[in-house]
Amino acid sequence: MIMAKLQLALDFSDLGSALAVAKKAAPYVDWIEAGTPLIKSVGLHSVRELKKRFPKHKIVADMKTMDTGVFEVSLAAQAGADVATVCAAADNATIKGAIDEGRKRGVVVVVDTINTPPSRWKEIDSFKPDYICLHVGIDQQRKGIDPLELLKKLDVKSKKIVAGGLDAKSAPLAIKAGADVIVGGAITKSSDPARAAKEIKEAMEQF
């Protein structure tokens, strides 16, 4: 059995809704993410609140950093984040700086591939990040881009995690391909987030 991680993406604009869903889903997830919309809306206060309320979980600050990698990872660390993200589309110096600062501060740095080609992923891999996230955004999903198909092209040595409309049916396929899993809407938009998270986690544990 592969003990893959399940990350909950809280892509809300208000903190109250995010915390309510997180409380219900927390028993079934490993990492809890302050999504980019949440951070843009209420700032790193969201990370502080998640860390305070869920101290046993890894808290992700989905910063999607595009510049000043050292500075933004330091801000995430000060807010209590265990994990921070930087975009693969950023300058190499930004990504390397984020990775180096993460190592200094004990913060896991995830490089997000959104809207970048496979050739860039190989280059990112050479920087030895903690994770590379194969990410198909919502707008790309609407165009029919399949994260599981793209995941086949993610031939890297770094740990992999995948995001892009995954649910109880597709999450196990991501695990089979060697990646951890990020789930947002299948949990956060469910009428029963706890049940949805439980079903996804149980499906993942079959592999």
Protein backbone atom coordinates (compact mmCIF):
# COMPACT_ATOMS: atom_id res chain seq x y z
CA MET A 1 0.00 0.00 0.00
CA ILE A 2 1.34 3.42 -0.96
CA MET A 3 0.79 5.99 1.79
CA ALA A 4 0.10 8.94 -0.48
CA LYS A 5 -0.71 12.37 0.88
CA LEU A 6 -4.06 14.05 0.37
CA GLN A 7 -3.94 17.84 0.34
CA LEU A 8 -7.12 19.88 0.78
CA ALA A 9 -7.14 23.08 -1.29
CA LEU A 10 -9.23 25.79 0.37
CA ASP A 11 -9.83 28.12 -2.56
CA PHE A 12 -12.28 30.41 -0.80
CA SER A 13 -12.53 34.17 -0.60
CA ASP A 14 -13.62 34.23 3.04
CA LEU A 15 -11.86 32.65 5.97
CA GLY A 16 -14.98 31.51 7.81
CA SER A 17 -16.09 29.21 5.00
CA ALA A 18 -12.58 27.85 4.59
CA LEU A 19 -12.24 27.02 8.27
CA ALA A 20 -15.66 25.38 8.38
CA VAL A 21 -14.82 23.03 5.53
CA ALA A 22 -11.34 22.36 6.90
CA LYS A 23 -12.80 21.32 10.26
CA LYS A 24 -15.08 18.77 8.61
CA ALA A 25 -12.46 17.35 6.24
CA ALA A 26 -9.43 17.49 8.56
CA PRO A 27 -9.68 13.88 9.87
CA TYR A 28 -9.23 12.56 6.33
CA VAL A 29 -6.55 14.86 4.87
CA ASP A 30 -2.83 15.24 5.49
CA TRP A 31 -2.04 18.74 4.28
CA ILE A 32 -4.38 21.74 4.46
CA GLU A 33 -3.84 24.51 1.95
CA ALA A 34 -4.61 28.18 2.27
CA GLY A 35 -5.46 28.60 -1.40
CA THR A 36 -4.26 31.50 -3.51
CA PRO A 37 -7.72 33.18 -3.52
CA LEU A 38 -7.86 32.93 0.28
CA ILE A 39 -4.40 34.44 0.69
CA LYS A 40 -5.25 37.23 -1.75
CA SER A 41 -8.49 37.93 0.08
CA VAL A 42 -7.45 37.83 3.74
CA GLY A 43 -3.68 37.53 3.57
CA LEU A 44 -1.34 35.28 5.52
CA HIS A 45 -3.70 35.60 8.47
CA SER A 46 -5.40 32.59 6.86
CA VAL A 47 -2.22 30.56 7.27
CA ARG A 48 -1.87 31.61 10.90
CA GLU A 49 -5.45 30.60 11.65
CA LEU A 50 -5.12 27.24 9.94
CA LYS A 51 -1.89 26.52 11.82
CA LYS A 52 -3.52 27.47 15.12
CA ARG A 53 -6.60 25.34 14.55
CA PHE A 54 -4.93 22.35 12.89
CA PRO A 55 -1.48 22.08 14.52
CA LYS A 56 -1.08 18.40 13.63
CA HIS A 57 -1.50 19.04 9.90
CA LYS A 58 1.00 20.43 7.43
CA ILE A 59 -0.25 23.88 6.42
CA VAL A 60 0.37 24.98 2.84
CA ALA A 61 0.65 28.62 1.79
CA ASP A 62 -0.23 28.53 -1.90
CA MET A 63 1.63 31.75 -2.65
CA LYS A 64 2.34 30.93 -6.31
CA THR A 65 5.39 33.15 -5.98
CA MET A 66 6.61 34.78 -9.20
CA ASP A 67 9.29 37.08 -7.78
CA THR A 68 11.37 37.57 -4.61
CA GLY A 69 11.36 33.87 -3.76
CA VAL A 70 13.50 34.28 -0.64
CA PHE A 71 11.27 37.03 0.76
CA GLU A 72 7.96 35.30 0.10
CA VAL A 73 9.07 31.97 1.54
CA SER A 74 10.29 33.83 4.62
CA LEU A 75 6.87 35.48 4.95
CA ALA A 76 5.15 32.10 4.68
CA ALA A 77 7.48 30.64 7.30
CA GLN A 78 6.83 33.52 9.69
CA ALA A 79 3.10 32.91 9.32
CA GLY A 80 3.56 29.27 10.33
CA ALA A 81 3.42 27.60 6.93
CA ASP A 82 5.03 24.20 6.59
CA VAL A 83 4.83 24.32 2.79
CA ALA A 84 4.99 27.16 0.24
CA THR A 85 4.59 27.26 -3.52
CA VAL A 86 6.51 29.01 -6.27
CA CYS A 87 5.61 29.07 -9.96
CA ALA A 88 7.69 27.17 -12.52
CA ALA A 89 7.18 30.16 -14.82
CA ALA A 90 9.20 32.36 -12.47
CA ASP A 91 12.82 33.28 -13.08
CA ASN A 92 15.34 30.59 -12.15
CA ALA A 93 16.80 32.86 -9.47
CA THR A 94 13.36 33.21 -7.87
CA ILE A 95 12.83 29.46 -7.78
CA LYS A 96 16.32 28.65 -6.52
CA GLY A 97 16.04 31.36 -3.89
CA ALA A 98 12.72 29.94 -2.69
CA ILE A 99 14.15 26.43 -2.47
CA ASP A 100 17.24 27.61 -0.57
CA GLU A 101 15.19 29.69 1.85
CA GLY A 102 12.84 26.79 2.41
CA ARG A 103 15.73 24.57 3.40
CA LYS A 104 17.02 27.19 5.82
CA ARG A 105 13.63 27.58 7.46
CA GLY A 106 12.37 24.01 7.30
CA VAL A 107 9.65 24.87 4.78
CA VAL A 108 8.82 22.42 2.00
CA VAL A 109 8.92 24.22 -1.36
CA VAL A 110 6.60 23.04 -4.12
CA VAL A 111 7.16 24.26 -7.68
CA ASP A 112 3.83 24.65 -9.52
CA THR A 113 3.94 23.81 -13.23
CA ILE A 114 0.76 25.66 -14.23
CA ASN A 115 0.89 26.75 -17.89
CA THR A 116 4.48 25.63 -18.44
CA PRO A 117 5.76 22.96 -20.89
CA PRO A 118 7.39 19.60 -20.03
CA SER A 119 10.79 20.94 -21.11
CA ARG A 120 10.59 23.42 -18.24
CA TRP A 121 9.72 20.67 -15.76
CA LYS A 122 12.99 18.87 -16.45
CA GLU A 123 14.90 22.09 -15.85
CA ILE A 124 13.04 22.67 -12.58
CA ASP A 125 13.85 19.13 -11.51
CA SER A 126 17.55 19.93 -11.77
CA PHE A 127 17.08 22.53 -9.00
CA LYS A 128 16.07 19.69 -6.65
CA PRO A 129 12.85 21.13 -5.21
CA ASP A 130 11.00 19.22 -2.51
CA TYR A 131 8.06 18.68 -4.86
CA ILE A 132 6.97 19.46 -8.38
CA CYS A 133 3.21 20.02 -8.66
CA LEU A 134 1.62 19.05 -11.96
CA HIS A 135 -1.18 21.61 -11.92
CA VAL A 136 -3.98 22.01 -14.43
CA GLY A 137 -5.87 25.16 -13.51
CA ILE A 138 -9.63 25.65 -13.66
CA ASP A 139 -9.52 27.59 -16.93
CA GLN A 140 -7.38 24.85 -18.46
CA GLN A 141 -9.74 22.16 -17.16
CA ARG A 142 -12.60 23.92 -18.92
CA LYS A 143 -10.66 23.51 -22.16
CA GLY A 144 -10.47 19.76 -21.55
CA ILE A 145 -6.86 19.49 -20.42
CA ASP A 146 -6.46 16.31 -18.35
CA PRO A 147 -3.96 16.40 -15.45
CA LEU A 148 -3.53 12.63 -15.54
CA GLU A 149 -2.45 12.77 -19.17
CA LEU A 150 0.04 15.52 -18.41
CA LEU A 151 1.27 13.61 -15.37
CA LYS A 152 2.58 10.94 -17.76
CA LYS A 153 5.00 13.55 -19.11
CA LEU A 154 6.29 14.54 -15.67
CA ASP A 155 9.46 12.47 -15.85
CA VAL A 156 11.35 13.86 -12.87
CA LYS A 157 13.30 12.66 -9.85
CA SER A 158 11.62 15.11 -7.47
CA LYS A 159 8.54 14.07 -5.53
CA LYS A 160 5.35 14.68 -7.47
CA ILE A 161 1.96 16.01 -6.50
CA VAL A 162 -0.94 16.66 -8.87
CA ALA A 163 -3.87 19.08 -8.89
CA GLY A 164 -6.68 19.69 -11.34
CA GLY A 165 -10.24 18.59 -10.68
CA LEU A 166 -9.38 15.29 -9.02
CA ASP A 167 -11.96 13.23 -7.13
CA ALA A 168 -12.46 9.75 -5.67
CA LYS A 169 -12.25 8.15 -9.12
CA SER A 170 -9.21 9.99 -10.47
CA ALA A 171 -7.14 10.40 -7.29
CA PRO A 172 -6.16 6.70 -7.16
CA LEU A 173 -4.95 6.93 -10.77
CA ALA A 174 -2.66 9.79 -9.78
CA ILE A 175 -1.25 7.67 -6.97
CA LYS A 176 -0.68 4.80 -9.37
CA ALA A 177 1.38 7.23 -11.45
CA GLY A 178 3.52 8.01 -8.41
CA ALA A 179 2.06 11.32 -7.26
CA ASP A 180 0.46 12.68 -4.13
CA VAL A 181 -2.91 14.36 -4.59
CA ILE A 182 -4.44 17.81 -4.17
CA VAL A 183 -8.23 18.02 -4.10
CA GLY A 184 -10.29 21.18 -3.95
CA GLY A 185 -13.77 21.34 -5.42
CA ALA A 186 -14.67 17.67 -4.96
CA ILE A 187 -14.50 18.34 -1.22
CA THR A 188 -15.12 22.05 -0.78
CA LYS A 189 -18.18 22.14 -3.07
CA SER A 190 -19.69 18.97 -1.65
CA SER A 191 -22.81 19.15 0.52
CA ASP A 192 -20.93 16.83 2.89
CA PRO A 193 -17.19 17.71 2.86
CA ALA A 194 -16.36 15.13 5.51
CA ARG A 195 -17.92 12.31 3.56
CA ALA A 196 -16.30 13.47 0.32
CA ALA A 197 -12.85 13.67 1.91
CA LYS A 198 -13.32 10.25 3.53
CA GLU A 199 -14.32 8.66 0.23
CA ILE A 200 -11.31 10.11 -1.56
CA LYS A 201 -8.90 9.07 1.18
CA GLU A 202 -10.30 5.54 1.27
CA ALA A 203 -10.05 5.28 -2.51
CA MET A 204 -6.43 6.39 -2.33
CA GLU A 205 -5.63 3.83 0.33
CA GLN A 206 -6.55 0.98 -2.03
CA PHE A 207 -3.19 1.46 -3.76
